[in-house]
Amino acid sequence: MDFYLIASEIIVLRYIGLHFTTVS
């Protein structure tokens, strides 16, 4: 259960990071 939450958080952070990099 915890692994799923951690994986989801990492994916979200990475997605935001990519979006931020693209925008900036």
C-alpha atoms as a PDB file:
ATOM      1  CA  MET A   1       0.000   0.000   0.000  1.00  0.00           C
ATOM      2  CA  ASP A   2       2.765   2.426   0.941  1.00  0.00           C
ATOM      3  CA  PHE A   3       4.722   1.536  -2.183  1.00  0.00           C
ATOM      4  CA  TYR A   4       1.776   2.597  -4.355  1.00  0.00           C
ATOM      5  CA  LEU A   5       1.567   5.979  -2.613  1.00  0.00           C
ATOM      6  CA  ILE A   6       5.328   6.545  -2.908  1.00  0.00           C
ATOM      7  CA  ALA A   7       5.323   5.560  -6.597  1.00  0.00           C
ATOM      8  CA  SER A   8       2.379   7.869  -7.298  1.00  0.00           C
ATOM      9  CA  GLU A   9       4.089  10.768  -5.537  1.00  0.00           C
ATOM     10  CA  ILE A  10       7.317  10.226  -7.493  1.00  0.00           C
ATOM     11  CA  ILE A  11       5.408  10.078 -10.793  1.00  0.00           C
ATOM     12  CA  VAL A  12       3.517  13.274  -9.964  1.00  0.00           C
ATOM     13  CA  LEU A  13       6.699  15.088  -8.933  1.00  0.00           C
ATOM     14  CA  ARG A  14       8.469  13.961 -12.110  1.00  0.00           C
ATOM     15  CA  TYR A  15       5.505  15.026 -14.258  1.00  0.00           C
ATOM     16  CA  ILE A  16       5.439  18.458 -12.596  1.00  0.00           C
ATOM     17  CA  GLY A  17       9.196  18.770 -13.016  1.00  0.00           C
ATOM     18  CA  LEU A  18       8.965  17.978 -16.729  1.00  0.00           C
ATOM     19  CA  HIS A  19       6.115  20.457 -17.145  1.00  0.00           C
ATOM     20  CA  PHE A  20       8.046  23.130 -15.259  1.00  0.00           C
ATOM     21  CA  THR A  21      11.151  22.501 -17.382  1.00  0.00           C
ATOM     22  CA  THR A  22       9.115  22.716 -20.586  1.00  0.00           C
ATOM     23  CA  VAL A  23       7.363  25.909 -19.504  1.00  0.00           C
ATOM     24  CA  SER A  24      10.596  27.482 -18.295  1.00  0.00           C
END
